[in-house]
């Protein structure tokens, strides 16, 4: 199946990281999603019941970013993917990319991100 719903740049302020200052001061996180969903029924019916409500998924992502800090963005990405697959049964697969643009590294860098794909 090649149908996808794409959401990019979902923003949240979170307290994830290995270092104490990340857990105390927090930083911006951004998440991109590629949801594999059969969009055929919705493309005919024009009904939200035949697709995935991306407003609900966006809220899920913001909640994951802003609550329950983790050490690694890999863990955050996995948590988001798992929650999407559990709560949205029409999603066959999901790719989650978590961006941490203010990651504490010694070099000047535009972004650090991880991407994971999970399927049913």
N, C-alpha and C. Protein backbone atom coordinates (compact mmCIF):
# COMPACT_ATOMS: atom_id res chain seq x y z
N UNK A 1 0.85 -1.18 0.00
CA UNK A 1 0.00 0.00 0.00
C UNK A 1 0.89 1.24 0.00
N UNK A 2 0.53 2.19 -0.84
CA UNK A 2 1.37 3.39 -0.96
C UNK A 2 0.69 4.65 -0.44
N UNK A 3 -0.56 4.56 0.02
CA UNK A 3 -1.24 5.75 0.52
C UNK A 3 -0.63 6.19 1.84
N UNK A 4 -0.44 7.49 1.99
CA UNK A 4 0.13 8.02 3.23
C UNK A 4 -0.53 9.34 3.61
N UNK A 5 -0.56 9.56 4.90
CA UNK A 5 -0.87 10.87 5.46
C UNK A 5 0.44 11.36 6.06
N UNK A 6 0.85 12.57 5.68
CA UNK A 6 2.11 13.14 6.14
C UNK A 6 1.85 14.33 7.05
N UNK A 7 2.48 14.33 8.20
CA UNK A 7 2.40 15.46 9.13
C UNK A 7 3.84 15.87 9.42
N UNK A 8 4.14 17.15 9.29
CA UNK A 8 5.53 17.55 9.51
C UNK A 8 5.62 18.76 10.44
N UNK A 9 6.67 18.73 11.24
CA UNK A 9 6.96 19.87 12.11
C UNK A 9 6.06 20.00 13.32
N UNK A 10 5.52 18.89 13.82
CA UNK A 10 4.71 18.96 15.04
C UNK A 10 5.64 19.38 16.18
N UNK A 11 5.32 20.47 16.84
CA UNK A 11 6.21 21.07 17.83
C UNK A 11 5.73 20.82 19.26
N UNK A 12 6.70 20.59 20.12
CA UNK A 12 6.44 20.54 21.55
C UNK A 12 7.70 20.91 22.30
N UNK A 13 7.51 21.44 23.49
CA UNK A 13 8.65 21.78 24.35
C UNK A 13 8.75 20.68 25.39
N UNK A 14 9.90 19.99 25.41
CA UNK A 14 10.04 18.84 26.30
C UNK A 14 11.33 18.88 27.09
N UNK A 15 11.45 17.91 27.98
CA UNK A 15 12.57 17.83 28.91
C UNK A 15 13.33 16.52 28.75
N UNK A 16 13.54 16.10 27.51
CA UNK A 16 14.21 14.84 27.20
C UNK A 16 15.70 15.08 27.04
N UNK A 17 16.49 14.10 27.46
CA UNK A 17 17.93 14.19 27.27
C UNK A 17 18.70 13.46 28.33
N UNK A 18 19.97 13.25 28.05
CA UNK A 18 20.86 12.57 28.99
C UNK A 18 21.37 13.48 30.10
N UNK A 19 21.43 14.78 29.81
CA UNK A 19 22.09 15.69 30.72
C UNK A 19 21.10 16.42 31.62
N UNK A 20 21.57 16.74 32.80
CA UNK A 20 20.72 17.41 33.80
C UNK A 20 20.15 18.72 33.27
N UNK A 21 20.97 19.51 32.57
CA UNK A 21 20.47 20.79 32.08
C UNK A 21 19.35 20.61 31.06
N UNK A 22 19.35 19.50 30.32
CA UNK A 22 18.26 19.24 29.38
C UNK A 22 16.97 18.92 30.14
N UNK A 23 17.11 18.21 31.25
CA UNK A 23 15.95 17.83 32.06
C UNK A 23 15.41 19.02 32.84
N UNK A 24 16.26 20.00 33.14
CA UNK A 24 15.83 21.17 33.91
C UNK A 24 15.33 22.28 32.99
N UNK A 25 16.09 22.61 31.95
CA UNK A 25 15.76 23.74 31.09
C UNK A 25 14.81 23.40 29.94
N UNK A 26 14.85 22.17 29.48
CA UNK A 26 14.01 21.76 28.36
C UNK A 26 14.49 22.34 27.05
N UNK A 27 13.83 21.94 25.97
CA UNK A 27 14.16 22.42 24.64
C UNK A 27 13.05 22.06 23.66
N UNK A 28 13.15 22.60 22.46
CA UNK A 28 12.17 22.33 21.42
C UNK A 28 12.43 20.98 20.76
N UNK A 29 11.34 20.28 20.49
CA UNK A 29 11.38 19.04 19.72
C UNK A 29 10.36 19.16 18.61
N UNK A 30 10.67 18.56 17.47
CA UNK A 30 9.78 18.56 16.31
C UNK A 30 9.64 17.12 15.82
N UNK A 31 8.43 16.76 15.42
CA UNK A 31 8.17 15.40 14.96
C UNK A 31 7.51 15.44 13.60
N UNK A 32 7.99 14.58 12.71
CA UNK A 32 7.37 14.35 11.41
C UNK A 32 6.82 12.93 11.40
N UNK A 33 5.66 12.75 10.77
CA UNK A 33 5.04 11.44 10.68
C UNK A 33 4.70 11.11 9.24
N UNK A 34 4.87 9.85 8.88
CA UNK A 34 4.34 9.31 7.63
C UNK A 34 3.48 8.11 8.05
N UNK A 35 2.17 8.27 7.89
CA UNK A 35 1.22 7.23 8.29
C UNK A 35 0.75 6.49 7.05
N UNK A 36 0.98 5.20 6.99
CA UNK A 36 0.48 4.40 5.89
C UNK A 36 -0.94 3.95 6.23
N UNK A 37 -1.88 4.42 5.41
CA UNK A 37 -3.31 4.18 5.64
C UNK A 37 -3.95 3.95 4.28
N UNK A 38 -4.92 3.04 4.21
CA UNK A 38 -5.67 2.86 2.98
C UNK A 38 -6.62 4.04 2.84
N UNK A 39 -6.29 4.96 1.95
CA UNK A 39 -7.10 6.16 1.76
C UNK A 39 -8.18 6.00 0.70
N UNK A 40 -8.27 4.82 0.10
CA UNK A 40 -9.28 4.56 -0.91
C UNK A 40 -10.69 4.83 -0.44
N UNK A 41 -11.11 4.26 0.70
CA UNK A 41 -12.48 4.50 1.17
C UNK A 41 -12.78 5.98 1.41
N UNK A 42 -11.87 6.71 2.03
CA UNK A 42 -12.09 8.14 2.31
C UNK A 42 -12.10 8.96 1.03
N UNK A 43 -11.32 8.54 0.03
CA UNK A 43 -11.28 9.29 -1.22
C UNK A 43 -12.60 9.17 -1.99
N UNK A 44 -13.40 8.17 -1.66
CA UNK A 44 -14.71 7.98 -2.27
C UNK A 44 -15.82 8.58 -1.41
N UNK A 45 -15.76 8.27 -0.09
CA UNK A 45 -16.86 8.65 0.81
C UNK A 45 -16.81 10.09 1.30
N UNK A 46 -15.61 10.66 1.36
CA UNK A 46 -15.42 12.00 1.93
C UNK A 46 -15.81 12.04 3.40
N UNK A 47 -15.62 10.91 4.11
CA UNK A 47 -16.00 10.79 5.52
C UNK A 47 -14.77 10.57 6.39
N UNK A 48 -14.71 11.30 7.48
CA UNK A 48 -13.61 11.14 8.44
C UNK A 48 -13.58 9.73 9.02
N UNK A 49 -14.73 9.06 9.04
CA UNK A 49 -14.79 7.70 9.58
C UNK A 49 -14.00 6.70 8.73
N UNK A 50 -13.70 7.06 7.50
CA UNK A 50 -12.96 6.17 6.61
C UNK A 50 -11.48 6.47 6.53
N UNK A 51 -11.00 7.33 7.41
CA UNK A 51 -9.58 7.67 7.41
C UNK A 51 -9.11 7.82 8.85
N UNK A 52 -8.01 8.48 9.05
CA UNK A 52 -7.44 8.70 10.37
C UNK A 52 -7.57 10.18 10.70
N UNK A 53 -7.99 10.47 11.90
CA UNK A 53 -8.13 11.85 12.35
C UNK A 53 -6.76 12.38 12.74
N UNK A 54 -6.18 13.20 11.87
CA UNK A 54 -4.81 13.66 12.14
C UNK A 54 -4.75 14.70 13.25
N UNK A 55 -5.87 15.32 13.59
CA UNK A 55 -5.88 16.22 14.75
C UNK A 55 -5.64 15.42 16.03
N UNK A 56 -6.26 14.25 16.13
CA UNK A 56 -6.05 13.38 17.30
C UNK A 56 -4.61 12.90 17.37
N UNK A 57 -4.05 12.56 16.23
CA UNK A 57 -2.66 12.08 16.21
C UNK A 57 -1.70 13.21 16.58
N UNK A 58 -1.98 14.41 16.11
CA UNK A 58 -1.15 15.56 16.47
C UNK A 58 -1.16 15.78 17.97
N UNK A 59 -2.33 15.69 18.58
CA UNK A 59 -2.44 15.84 20.04
C UNK A 59 -1.65 14.75 20.76
N UNK A 60 -1.71 13.54 20.26
CA UNK A 60 -0.96 12.43 20.84
C UNK A 60 0.54 12.73 20.82
N UNK A 61 1.03 13.24 19.70
CA UNK A 61 2.46 13.55 19.56
C UNK A 61 2.87 14.66 20.51
N UNK A 62 2.09 15.74 20.58
CA UNK A 62 2.43 16.84 21.48
C UNK A 62 2.45 16.35 22.93
N UNK A 63 1.50 15.52 23.30
CA UNK A 63 1.48 14.97 24.65
C UNK A 63 2.73 14.13 24.93
N UNK A 64 3.14 13.32 23.96
CA UNK A 64 4.35 12.50 24.14
C UNK A 64 5.59 13.36 24.30
N UNK A 65 5.65 14.47 23.57
CA UNK A 65 6.80 15.37 23.68
C UNK A 65 6.82 16.09 25.04
N UNK A 66 5.67 16.52 25.50
CA UNK A 66 5.61 17.42 26.66
C UNK A 66 5.45 16.72 28.00
N UNK A 67 5.31 15.40 28.01
CA UNK A 67 5.18 14.66 29.27
C UNK A 67 6.19 13.53 29.33
N UNK A 68 6.37 12.97 30.50
CA UNK A 68 7.22 11.79 30.73
C UNK A 68 8.56 11.84 30.00
N UNK A 69 9.50 12.63 30.49
CA UNK A 69 10.81 12.73 29.86
C UNK A 69 11.54 11.39 29.74
N UNK A 70 12.30 11.26 28.66
CA UNK A 70 13.15 10.10 28.43
C UNK A 70 14.57 10.58 28.15
N UNK A 71 15.50 9.68 28.22
CA UNK A 71 16.89 10.04 27.96
C UNK A 71 17.19 10.17 26.48
N UNK A 72 16.60 9.30 25.67
CA UNK A 72 16.95 9.22 24.25
C UNK A 72 15.76 9.56 23.36
N UNK A 73 16.03 10.27 22.26
CA UNK A 73 14.94 10.54 21.32
C UNK A 73 14.53 9.26 20.60
N UNK A 74 15.38 8.25 20.58
CA UNK A 74 14.99 6.96 20.05
C UNK A 74 13.81 6.39 20.83
N UNK A 75 13.86 6.52 22.14
CA UNK A 75 12.77 6.06 23.01
C UNK A 75 11.51 6.87 22.75
N UNK A 76 11.65 8.17 22.61
CA UNK A 76 10.50 9.03 22.33
C UNK A 76 9.85 8.64 21.00
N UNK A 77 10.64 8.41 19.97
CA UNK A 77 10.11 8.00 18.67
C UNK A 77 9.37 6.66 18.78
N UNK A 78 9.95 5.73 19.50
CA UNK A 78 9.31 4.43 19.69
C UNK A 78 8.00 4.53 20.43
N UNK A 79 7.96 5.37 21.45
CA UNK A 79 6.73 5.58 22.22
C UNK A 79 5.64 6.16 21.33
N UNK A 80 5.98 7.14 20.53
CA UNK A 80 4.99 7.76 19.64
C UNK A 80 4.46 6.73 18.65
N UNK A 81 5.34 5.96 18.02
CA UNK A 81 4.92 4.95 17.05
C UNK A 81 3.99 3.93 17.69
N UNK A 82 4.36 3.46 18.85
CA UNK A 82 3.55 2.46 19.56
C UNK A 82 2.16 3.01 19.89
N UNK A 83 2.11 4.24 20.40
CA UNK A 83 0.82 4.83 20.75
C UNK A 83 -0.07 5.03 19.52
N UNK A 84 0.51 5.41 18.41
CA UNK A 84 -0.28 5.58 17.18
C UNK A 84 -0.85 4.25 16.73
N UNK A 85 -0.03 3.21 16.70
CA UNK A 85 -0.51 1.91 16.24
C UNK A 85 -1.56 1.32 17.17
N UNK A 86 -1.45 1.58 18.46
CA UNK A 86 -2.44 1.08 19.42
C UNK A 86 -3.76 1.83 19.29
N UNK A 87 -3.70 3.13 19.13
CA UNK A 87 -4.93 3.93 19.20
C UNK A 87 -5.59 4.20 17.84
N UNK A 88 -4.92 3.91 16.75
CA UNK A 88 -5.46 4.18 15.42
C UNK A 88 -5.30 2.94 14.54
N UNK A 89 -6.30 2.09 14.56
CA UNK A 89 -6.20 0.78 13.93
C UNK A 89 -6.12 0.83 12.41
N UNK A 90 -6.51 1.93 11.79
CA UNK A 90 -6.41 2.05 10.34
C UNK A 90 -4.97 2.30 9.88
N UNK A 91 -4.10 2.69 10.78
CA UNK A 91 -2.69 2.92 10.44
C UNK A 91 -2.00 1.56 10.33
N UNK A 92 -1.50 1.26 9.14
CA UNK A 92 -0.83 0.00 8.87
C UNK A 92 0.65 0.08 9.27
N UNK A 93 1.25 1.24 9.02
CA UNK A 93 2.65 1.48 9.36
C UNK A 93 2.83 2.96 9.64
N UNK A 94 3.84 3.26 10.43
CA UNK A 94 4.13 4.65 10.74
C UNK A 94 5.64 4.84 10.78
N UNK A 95 6.08 5.93 10.17
CA UNK A 95 7.47 6.37 10.31
C UNK A 95 7.45 7.64 11.13
N UNK A 96 8.21 7.63 12.22
CA UNK A 96 8.29 8.76 13.14
C UNK A 96 9.70 9.31 13.08
N UNK A 97 9.83 10.60 12.80
CA UNK A 97 11.12 11.27 12.84
C UNK A 97 11.06 12.31 13.95
N UNK A 98 11.95 12.17 14.93
CA UNK A 98 12.05 13.13 16.03
C UNK A 98 13.29 13.98 15.80
N UNK A 99 13.07 15.29 15.75
CA UNK A 99 14.16 16.26 15.55
C UNK A 99 14.49 16.92 16.90
N UNK A 100 15.77 17.01 17.17
CA UNK A 100 16.27 17.67 18.38
C UNK A 100 17.31 18.70 17.94
N UNK A 101 16.86 19.86 17.44
CA UNK A 101 17.79 20.82 16.84
C UNK A 101 18.75 21.47 17.83
N UNK A 102 18.43 21.45 19.11
CA UNK A 102 19.32 22.06 20.10
C UNK A 102 20.09 21.00 20.90
N UNK A 103 20.30 19.84 20.29
CA UNK A 103 21.04 18.77 20.96
C UNK A 103 22.41 19.27 21.39
N UNK A 104 22.84 18.88 22.58
CA UNK A 104 24.13 19.36 23.09
C UNK A 104 25.31 18.59 22.49
N UNK A 105 25.79 19.08 21.36
CA UNK A 105 26.96 18.51 20.71
C UNK A 105 28.01 19.61 20.54
N UNK A 106 29.25 19.20 20.38
CA UNK A 106 30.35 20.17 20.32
C UNK A 106 30.42 20.91 18.99
N UNK A 107 29.87 20.34 17.94
CA UNK A 107 29.95 20.95 16.61
C UNK A 107 28.74 21.83 16.35
N UNK A 108 28.90 22.75 15.41
CA UNK A 108 27.76 23.53 14.93
C UNK A 108 26.95 22.62 14.00
N UNK A 109 25.68 22.46 14.32
CA UNK A 109 24.85 21.53 13.56
C UNK A 109 23.44 22.08 13.45
N UNK A 110 22.81 21.88 12.31
CA UNK A 110 21.46 22.39 12.09
C UNK A 110 20.41 21.54 12.81
N UNK A 111 20.60 20.22 12.84
CA UNK A 111 19.59 19.34 13.41
C UNK A 111 20.19 17.97 13.68
N UNK A 112 19.64 17.31 14.67
CA UNK A 112 19.89 15.89 14.91
C UNK A 112 18.53 15.24 14.98
N UNK A 113 18.36 14.13 14.27
CA UNK A 113 17.07 13.48 14.24
C UNK A 113 17.25 11.97 14.18
N UNK A 114 16.24 11.26 14.65
CA UNK A 114 16.16 9.81 14.46
C UNK A 114 14.84 9.52 13.76
N UNK A 115 14.84 8.49 12.95
CA UNK A 115 13.63 8.06 12.26
C UNK A 115 13.47 6.57 12.47
N UNK A 116 12.25 6.17 12.87
CA UNK A 116 11.94 4.76 13.03
C UNK A 116 10.67 4.45 12.26
N UNK A 117 10.56 3.22 11.80
CA UNK A 117 9.35 2.76 11.14
C UNK A 117 8.85 1.53 11.88
N UNK A 118 7.56 1.54 12.19
CA UNK A 118 6.92 0.41 12.85
C UNK A 118 5.69 0.01 12.04
N UNK A 119 5.44 -1.29 11.95
CA UNK A 119 4.28 -1.78 11.22
C UNK A 119 3.50 -2.74 12.11
N UNK A 120 2.27 -2.98 11.71
CA UNK A 120 1.43 -3.96 12.42
C UNK A 120 1.92 -5.34 12.12
